[in-house]
Amino acid sequence: MNIQENIVNRVAQSGLVTFDLADLYPAGERVVYDIKNNLFHGLILKEKDFREFVKEHDWSQYEGKNVAITCSADAIVPTWAYMLLANKLASYAAEVMFGSLEALETVLFRKKIDSLDMENFRDKRVVIKGCGDIAVPESAFVAITVELTRVAKSIMYGEPCSTVPVFKRKD
C-alpha cells in the first residue's frame, strides 16, 4: 500500500505578511554625551568655562554617531547649554537628541517607522515578529502597531506558526 501525502504549508498559504522591526534597526553607534563632566564640582555650570570647552573640544569624534545628550548629575543645567552642545554635534552626528540611550532608540526607530509606506499593509493580515537577535525597544512595537491599526486588516504578534492576536478590523 503506497500512500503519498501532500504536505501543505498552511502558513505560506495564509496570506500573512511578516514584519520584522529588526529590519529597521538604525545604523550607527549610539553614545551618550553627559554634561555632568562639564560641571564645576559636579554642581554648577560656569558659562565662560563651558563656552571655552565647547569651542575647543574635538567634536569630530562624534562623526556619524547617534548622540543622546543628558545630565546624570543632580544639577540644574540651563537649557542654552544643551543647545550649544546640540549645535556643535549637529555638524558631525547622524542624530542628536536630549535624553537617555533608550529615548535615543525610540527616536531612531520612530524615524524609520515614519518613513515606511503604510499603504503596503492596507487590508493585509500582518504578523509583527517578536523574537530576534537584535533588541527592539517596546516603543517601536507600540509605534508600528498604531500605524498598522490604521491600514491593516489584522495585526498579530509572534511568529506565523504561533501568534497572539492584537487587532482585527470589523468589516
C-alpha atoms as a PDB file:
ATOM      1  CA  MET A   1       0.000   0.000   0.000  1.00  0.00           C
ATOM      2  CA  ASN A   2       1.573   3.257  -1.167  1.00  0.00           C
ATOM      3  CA  ILE A   3       0.009   6.298   0.378  1.00  0.00           C
ATOM      4  CA  GLN A   4       1.502   9.570  -0.632  1.00  0.00           C
ATOM      5  CA  GLU A   5       0.602  12.536   1.492  1.00  0.00           C
ATOM      6  CA  ASN A   6       0.935  16.040   0.242  1.00  0.00           C
ATOM      7  CA  ILE A   7       2.391  18.338   2.820  1.00  0.00           C
ATOM      8  CA  VAL A   8       0.621  21.642   2.718  1.00  0.00           C
ATOM      9  CA  ASN A   9       2.274  24.724   4.157  1.00  0.00           C
ATOM     10  CA  ARG A  10      -0.757  26.483   5.566  1.00  0.00           C
ATOM     11  CA  VAL A  11       1.344  29.359   6.886  1.00  0.00           C
ATOM     12  CA  ALA A  12       2.575  30.139   3.370  1.00  0.00           C
ATOM     13  CA  GLN A  13      -0.992  29.965   2.043  1.00  0.00           C
ATOM     14  CA  SER A  14      -2.457  32.085   4.816  1.00  0.00           C
ATOM     15  CA  GLY A  15      -1.699  35.430   3.207  1.00  0.00           C
ATOM     16  CA  LEU A  16       0.080  36.631   6.318  1.00  0.00           C
ATOM     17  CA  VAL A  17       2.674  39.362   5.933  1.00  0.00           C
ATOM     18  CA  THR A  18       5.520  39.060   8.424  1.00  0.00           C
ATOM     19  CA  PHE A  19       7.023  42.341   9.547  1.00  0.00           C
ATOM     20  CA  ASP A  20      10.325  42.268  11.422  1.00  0.00           C
ATOM     21  CA  LEU A  21      11.151  45.513  13.221  1.00  0.00           C
ATOM     22  CA  ALA A  22      14.769  44.350  13.457  1.00  0.00           C
ATOM     23  CA  ASP A  23      14.972  45.005   9.698  1.00  0.00           C
ATOM     24  CA  LEU A  24      14.553  48.687  10.533  1.00  0.00           C
ATOM     25  CA  TYR A  25      17.414  48.726  13.029  1.00  0.00           C
ATOM     26  CA  PRO A  26      19.004  52.142  12.515  1.00  0.00           C
ATOM     27  CA  ALA A  27      22.679  52.115  11.659  1.00  0.00           C
ATOM     28  CA  GLY A  28      25.311  53.939  13.654  1.00  0.00           C
ATOM     29  CA  GLU A  29      26.930  53.753  17.038  1.00  0.00           C
ATOM     30  CA  ARG A  30      24.935  55.091  19.983  1.00  0.00           C
ATOM     31  CA  VAL A  31      26.718  57.303  22.508  1.00  0.00           C
ATOM     32  CA  VAL A  32      25.759  59.449  25.453  1.00  0.00           C
ATOM     33  CA  TYR A  33      27.189  62.899  25.993  1.00  0.00           C
ATOM     34  CA  ASP A  34      26.833  63.514  29.723  1.00  0.00           C
ATOM     35  CA  ILE A  35      27.132  67.193  30.559  1.00  0.00           C
ATOM     36  CA  LYS A  36      27.957  66.273  34.178  1.00  0.00           C
ATOM     37  CA  ASN A  37      31.609  66.161  33.087  1.00  0.00           C
ATOM     38  CA  ASN A  38      31.389  69.896  32.391  1.00  0.00           C
ATOM     39  CA  LEU A  39      30.038  70.846  35.812  1.00  0.00           C
ATOM     40  CA  PHE A  40      32.173  72.653  38.355  1.00  0.00           C
ATOM     41  CA  HIS A  41      32.383  70.394  41.439  1.00  0.00           C
ATOM     42  CA  GLY A  42      29.612  68.338  39.832  1.00  0.00           C
ATOM     43  CA  LEU A  43      27.085  71.013  40.730  1.00  0.00           C
ATOM     44  CA  ILE A  44      27.136  74.105  38.553  1.00  0.00           C
ATOM     45  CA  LEU A  45      27.923  75.070  35.016  1.00  0.00           C
ATOM     46  CA  LYS A  46      30.266  78.013  34.623  1.00  0.00           C
ATOM     47  CA  GLU A  47      29.293  79.726  31.393  1.00  0.00           C
ATOM     48  CA  LYS A  48      32.746  81.059  30.495  1.00  0.00           C
ATOM     49  CA  ASP A  49      34.463  77.672  31.087  1.00  0.00           C
ATOM     50  CA  PHE A  50      31.712  75.790  29.277  1.00  0.00           C
ATOM     51  CA  ARG A  51      31.809  78.045  26.236  1.00  0.00           C
ATOM     52  CA  GLU A  52      35.586  77.618  26.078  1.00  0.00           C
ATOM     53  CA  PHE A  53      35.191  73.839  26.276  1.00  0.00           C
ATOM     54  CA  VAL A  54      32.582  73.821  23.502  1.00  0.00           C
ATOM     55  CA  LYS A  55      34.871  75.948  21.321  1.00  0.00           C
ATOM     56  CA  GLU A  56      37.991  73.803  21.871  1.00  0.00           C
ATOM     57  CA  HIS A  57      36.545  70.271  22.074  1.00  0.00           C
ATOM     58  CA  ASP A  58      37.141  67.858  19.170  1.00  0.00           C
ATOM     59  CA  TRP A  59      33.571  67.262  18.030  1.00  0.00           C
ATOM     60  CA  SER A  60      34.702  65.185  15.037  1.00  0.00           C
ATOM     61  CA  GLN A  61      34.854  62.123  17.305  1.00  0.00           C
ATOM     62  CA  TYR A  62      31.047  62.017  17.016  1.00  0.00           C
ATOM     63  CA  GLU A  63      31.114  61.735  13.228  1.00  0.00           C
ATOM     64  CA  GLY A  64      28.240  59.518  12.052  1.00  0.00           C
ATOM     65  CA  LYS A  65      27.218  58.555  15.593  1.00  0.00           C
ATOM     66  CA  ASN A  66      23.822  58.843  17.226  1.00  0.00           C
ATOM     67  CA  VAL A  67      24.160  61.018  20.315  1.00  0.00           C
ATOM     68  CA  ALA A  68      21.939  61.342  23.356  1.00  0.00           C
ATOM     69  CA  ILE A  69      22.695  64.431  25.414  1.00  0.00           C
ATOM     70  CA  THR A  70      21.920  64.117  29.101  1.00  0.00           C
ATOM     71  CA  CYS A  71      22.956  65.121  32.596  1.00  0.00           C
ATOM     72  CA  SER A  72      23.244  62.309  35.109  1.00  0.00           C
ATOM     73  CA  ALA A  73      24.169  64.673  37.960  1.00  0.00           C
ATOM     74  CA  ASP A  74      21.562  66.203  40.214  1.00  0.00           C
ATOM     75  CA  ALA A  75      22.230  69.704  38.954  1.00  0.00           C
ATOM     76  CA  ILE A  76      20.315  72.493  37.307  1.00  0.00           C
ATOM     77  CA  VAL A  77      21.671  72.919  33.808  1.00  0.00           C
ATOM     78  CA  PRO A  78      20.481  75.876  31.754  1.00  0.00           C
ATOM     79  CA  THR A  79      18.729  74.995  28.521  1.00  0.00           C
ATOM     80  CA  TRP A  80      21.174  77.025  26.444  1.00  0.00           C
ATOM     81  CA  ALA A  81      23.974  74.640  27.485  1.00  0.00           C
ATOM     82  CA  TYR A  82      22.203  71.710  25.852  1.00  0.00           C
ATOM     83  CA  MET A  83      21.548  73.901  22.838  1.00  0.00           C
ATOM     84  CA  LEU A  84      25.262  74.731  22.494  1.00  0.00           C
ATOM     85  CA  LEU A  85      26.097  71.016  22.563  1.00  0.00           C
ATOM     86  CA  ALA A  86      23.403  70.246  20.004  1.00  0.00           C
ATOM     87  CA  ASN A  87      24.712  72.979  17.751  1.00  0.00           C
ATOM     88  CA  LYS A  88      28.239  71.552  17.767  1.00  0.00           C
ATOM     89  CA  LEU A  89      27.149  67.922  17.477  1.00  0.00           C
ATOM     90  CA  ALA A  90      24.740  68.613  14.608  1.00  0.00           C
ATOM     91  CA  SER A  91      27.643  69.116  12.205  1.00  0.00           C
ATOM     92  CA  TYR A  92      29.027  65.643  12.892  1.00  0.00           C
ATOM     93  CA  ALA A  93      26.495  63.274  14.418  1.00  0.00           C
ATOM     94  CA  ALA A  94      23.886  61.349  12.446  1.00  0.00           C
ATOM     95  CA  GLU A  95      21.294  62.074  15.146  1.00  0.00           C
ATOM     96  CA  VAL A  96      21.326  64.316  18.214  1.00  0.00           C
ATOM     97  CA  MET A  97      18.635  64.368  20.876  1.00  0.00           C
ATOM     98  CA  PHE A  98      18.147  65.034  24.560  1.00  0.00           C
ATOM     99  CA  GLY A  99      17.571  62.021  26.773  1.00  0.00           C
ATOM    100  CA  SER A 100      18.749  58.523  27.551  1.00  0.00           C
ATOM    101  CA  LEU A 101      20.015  55.794  25.242  1.00  0.00           C
ATOM    102  CA  GLU A 102      16.555  54.240  25.491  1.00  0.00           C
ATOM    103  CA  ALA A 103      14.984  57.505  24.345  1.00  0.00           C
ATOM    104  CA  LEU A 104      17.518  57.676  21.521  1.00  0.00           C
ATOM    105  CA  GLU A 105      16.470  54.184  20.341  1.00  0.00           C
ATOM    106  CA  THR A 106      12.860  55.322  20.397  1.00  0.00           C
ATOM    107  CA  VAL A 107      13.655  58.356  18.242  1.00  0.00           C
ATOM    108  CA  LEU A 108      15.739  56.343  15.775  1.00  0.00           C
ATOM    109  CA  PHE A 109      13.102  53.635  15.321  1.00  0.00           C
ATOM    110  CA  ARG A 110      10.302  56.196  15.117  1.00  0.00           C
ATOM    111  CA  LYS A 111      12.045  57.924  12.212  1.00  0.00           C
ATOM    112  CA  LYS A 112      12.357  54.596  10.398  1.00  0.00           C
ATOM    113  CA  ILE A 113       8.702  53.732  11.034  1.00  0.00           C
ATOM    114  CA  ASP A 114       7.581  57.173   9.887  1.00  0.00           C
ATOM    115  CA  SER A 115       9.430  56.641   6.597  1.00  0.00           C
ATOM    116  CA  LEU A 116       7.510  53.444   5.787  1.00  0.00           C
ATOM    117  CA  ASP A 117       4.799  53.432   3.137  1.00  0.00           C
ATOM    118  CA  MET A 118       1.954  52.069   5.228  1.00  0.00           C
ATOM    119  CA  GLU A 119      -0.151  51.555   2.100  1.00  0.00           C
ATOM    120  CA  ASN A 120       1.889  48.387   1.531  1.00  0.00           C
ATOM    121  CA  PHE A 121      -0.004  46.933   4.509  1.00  0.00           C
ATOM    122  CA  ARG A 122      -3.501  48.064   3.532  1.00  0.00           C
ATOM    123  CA  ASP A 123      -6.042  45.300   4.186  1.00  0.00           C
ATOM    124  CA  LYS A 124      -3.268  42.814   4.987  1.00  0.00           C
ATOM    125  CA  ARG A 125      -3.004  40.347   7.828  1.00  0.00           C
ATOM    126  CA  VAL A 126       0.264  41.383   9.470  1.00  0.00           C
ATOM    127  CA  VAL A 127       2.378  39.441  11.937  1.00  0.00           C
ATOM    128  CA  ILE A 128       4.849  41.603  13.805  1.00  0.00           C
ATOM    129  CA  LYS A 129       7.800  39.351  14.519  1.00  0.00           C
ATOM    130  CA  GLY A 130       8.511  39.156  18.201  1.00  0.00           C
ATOM    131  CA  CYS A 131      11.848  37.470  18.718  1.00  0.00           C
ATOM    132  CA  GLY A 132      15.216  38.026  17.182  1.00  0.00           C
ATOM    133  CA  ASP A 133      18.886  38.667  17.674  1.00  0.00           C
ATOM    134  CA  ILE A 134      18.515  42.448  17.588  1.00  0.00           C
ATOM    135  CA  ALA A 135      16.944  44.187  20.574  1.00  0.00           C
ATOM    136  CA  VAL A 136      13.960  46.248  19.501  1.00  0.00           C
ATOM    137  CA  PRO A 137      12.507  48.663  22.075  1.00  0.00           C
ATOM    138  CA  GLU A 138       8.882  48.250  23.128  1.00  0.00           C
ATOM    139  CA  SER A 139       8.312  51.799  21.908  1.00  0.00           C
ATOM    140  CA  ALA A 140       8.898  50.578  18.342  1.00  0.00           C
ATOM    141  CA  PHE A 141       6.288  47.835  18.755  1.00  0.00           C
ATOM    142  CA  VAL A 142       3.817  50.412  20.042  1.00  0.00           C
ATOM    143  CA  ALA A 143       4.573  52.841  17.197  1.00  0.00           C
ATOM    144  CA  ILE A 144       4.232  50.247  14.436  1.00  0.00           C
ATOM    145  CA  THR A 145       1.007  48.947  15.980  1.00  0.00           C
ATOM    146  CA  VAL A 146      -0.509  52.436  15.953  1.00  0.00           C
ATOM    147  CA  GLU A 147       0.419  52.900  12.294  1.00  0.00           C
ATOM    148  CA  LEU A 148      -0.735  49.446  11.195  1.00  0.00           C
ATOM    149  CA  THR A 149      -4.060  49.780  13.036  1.00  0.00           C
ATOM    150  CA  ARG A 150      -4.968  52.497  10.540  1.00  0.00           C
ATOM    151  CA  VAL A 151      -4.500  50.281   7.465  1.00  0.00           C
ATOM    152  CA  ALA A 152      -4.134  46.564   8.231  1.00  0.00           C
ATOM    153  CA  LYS A 153      -6.948  44.047   8.308  1.00  0.00           C
ATOM    154  CA  SER A 154      -5.422  42.386  11.343  1.00  0.00           C
ATOM    155  CA  ILE A 155      -2.301  42.555  13.480  1.00  0.00           C
ATOM    156  CA  MET A 156      -0.715  39.676  15.325  1.00  0.00           C
ATOM    157  CA  TYR A 157       2.439  39.359  17.383  1.00  0.00           C
ATOM    158  CA  GLY A 158       4.897  36.482  17.318  1.00  0.00           C
ATOM    159  CA  GLU A 159       5.741  34.048  14.561  1.00  0.00           C
ATOM    160  CA  PRO A 160       3.364  32.973  11.758  1.00  0.00           C
ATOM    161  CA  CYS A 161       3.085  29.491  13.307  1.00  0.00           C
ATOM    162  CA  SER A 162       2.265  30.848  16.777  1.00  0.00           C
ATOM    163  CA  THR A 163       0.739  34.293  17.050  1.00  0.00           C
ATOM    164  CA  VAL A 164      -1.032  36.413  19.610  1.00  0.00           C
ATOM    165  CA  PRO A 165      -3.912  38.425  18.150  1.00  0.00           C
ATOM    166  CA  VAL A 166      -3.571  42.171  18.717  1.00  0.00           C
ATOM    167  CA  PHE A 167      -6.127  43.749  16.383  1.00  0.00           C
ATOM    168  CA  LYS A 168      -8.789  42.692  13.904  1.00  0.00           C
ATOM    169  CA  ARG A 169     -10.782  45.193  11.890  1.00  0.00           C
ATOM    170  CA  LYS A 170     -14.509  44.638  11.947  1.00  0.00           C
ATOM    171  CA  ASP A 171     -15.811  44.675   8.377  1.00  0.00           C
END
